[in-house]
Each structure stands twice: as structure tokens, then as C-alpha cells.
Amino acid sequence: MSKNDKIQYWQRIFQQQTESKLTKAEFCKTNDLTLSTFYAW
């Protein structure tokens, strides 16, 4: 995955989290993401 692809991927993840109305922790748990990786981006 290129750097640009990763950026686009994480932009979609952040948008989905915002629209989900879940906390970041709840969203990450539901979507098999680590909270530390979420915050790293």
C-alpha cells in the first residue's frame, strides 16, 4: 500500500468513526483496530 493509499484509508476510517457516533475506543474495538494505531494517524 502506497503512502497516499494509507492516507486515504485512514481518512475513510476517521470519517466512519465520526459518522458512527461511537467513541474512538468503541469504534476501534468494533472494527478490530488498535486505539494506539488510530491515534498514531
C-alpha atoms as a PDB file:
ATOM      1  CA  MET A   1       0.000   0.000   0.000  1.00  0.00           C
ATOM      2  CA  SER A   2       1.486   3.347  -1.008  1.00  0.00           C
ATOM      3  CA  LYS A   3       1.714   6.255   1.400  1.00  0.00           C
ATOM      4  CA  ASN A   4      -1.112   8.006  -0.446  1.00  0.00           C
ATOM      5  CA  ASP A   5      -3.277   4.873  -0.214  1.00  0.00           C
ATOM      6  CA  LYS A   6      -2.650   4.695   3.539  1.00  0.00           C
ATOM      7  CA  ILE A   7      -3.622   8.332   3.961  1.00  0.00           C
ATOM      8  CA  GLN A   8      -6.852   7.796   2.028  1.00  0.00           C
ATOM      9  CA  TYR A   9      -7.592   4.629   4.016  1.00  0.00           C
ATOM     10  CA  TRP A  10      -7.203   6.416   7.342  1.00  0.00           C
ATOM     11  CA  GLN A  11      -9.221   9.406   6.174  1.00  0.00           C
ATOM     12  CA  ARG A  12     -12.081   6.994   5.450  1.00  0.00           C
ATOM     13  CA  ILE A  13     -11.625   5.348   8.858  1.00  0.00           C
ATOM     14  CA  PHE A  14     -11.788   8.731  10.619  1.00  0.00           C
ATOM     15  CA  GLN A  15     -14.896   9.689   8.651  1.00  0.00           C
ATOM     16  CA  GLN A  16     -16.566   6.388   9.518  1.00  0.00           C
ATOM     17  CA  GLN A  17     -15.743   6.848  13.197  1.00  0.00           C
ATOM     18  CA  THR A  18     -17.216  10.350  13.202  1.00  0.00           C
ATOM     19  CA  GLU A  19     -20.392   9.198  11.476  1.00  0.00           C
ATOM     20  CA  SER A  20     -20.755   6.162  13.740  1.00  0.00           C
ATOM     21  CA  LYS A  21     -21.275   8.279  16.878  1.00  0.00           C
ATOM     22  CA  LEU A  22     -19.167   5.711  18.770  1.00  0.00           C
ATOM     23  CA  THR A  23     -16.250   6.699  20.924  1.00  0.00           C
ATOM     24  CA  LYS A  24     -12.850   6.133  19.374  1.00  0.00           C
ATOM     25  CA  ALA A  25     -12.277   3.178  21.708  1.00  0.00           C
ATOM     26  CA  GLU A  26     -15.648   1.598  20.866  1.00  0.00           C
ATOM     27  CA  PHE A  27     -15.122   2.131  17.152  1.00  0.00           C
ATOM     28  CA  CYS A  28     -11.662   0.574  17.248  1.00  0.00           C
ATOM     29  CA  LYS A  29     -12.883  -2.443  19.196  1.00  0.00           C
ATOM     30  CA  THR A  30     -15.791  -2.953  16.804  1.00  0.00           C
ATOM     31  CA  ASN A  31     -13.541  -2.660  13.745  1.00  0.00           C
ATOM     32  CA  ASP A  32     -10.543  -4.659  15.006  1.00  0.00           C
ATOM     33  CA  LEU A  33      -8.266  -1.620  15.142  1.00  0.00           C
ATOM     34  CA  THR A  34      -5.905  -0.734  17.936  1.00  0.00           C
ATOM     35  CA  LEU A  35      -6.546   2.582  19.613  1.00  0.00           C
ATOM     36  CA  SER A  36      -2.826   3.380  19.551  1.00  0.00           C
ATOM     37  CA  THR A  37      -2.722   2.959  15.762  1.00  0.00           C
ATOM     38  CA  PHE A  38      -5.839   5.096  15.410  1.00  0.00           C
ATOM     39  CA  TYR A  39      -4.176   7.909  17.364  1.00  0.00           C
ATOM     40  CA  ALA A  40      -0.860   7.474  15.540  1.00  0.00           C
ATOM     41  CA  TRP A  41      -2.532   8.586  12.321  1.00  0.00           C
END
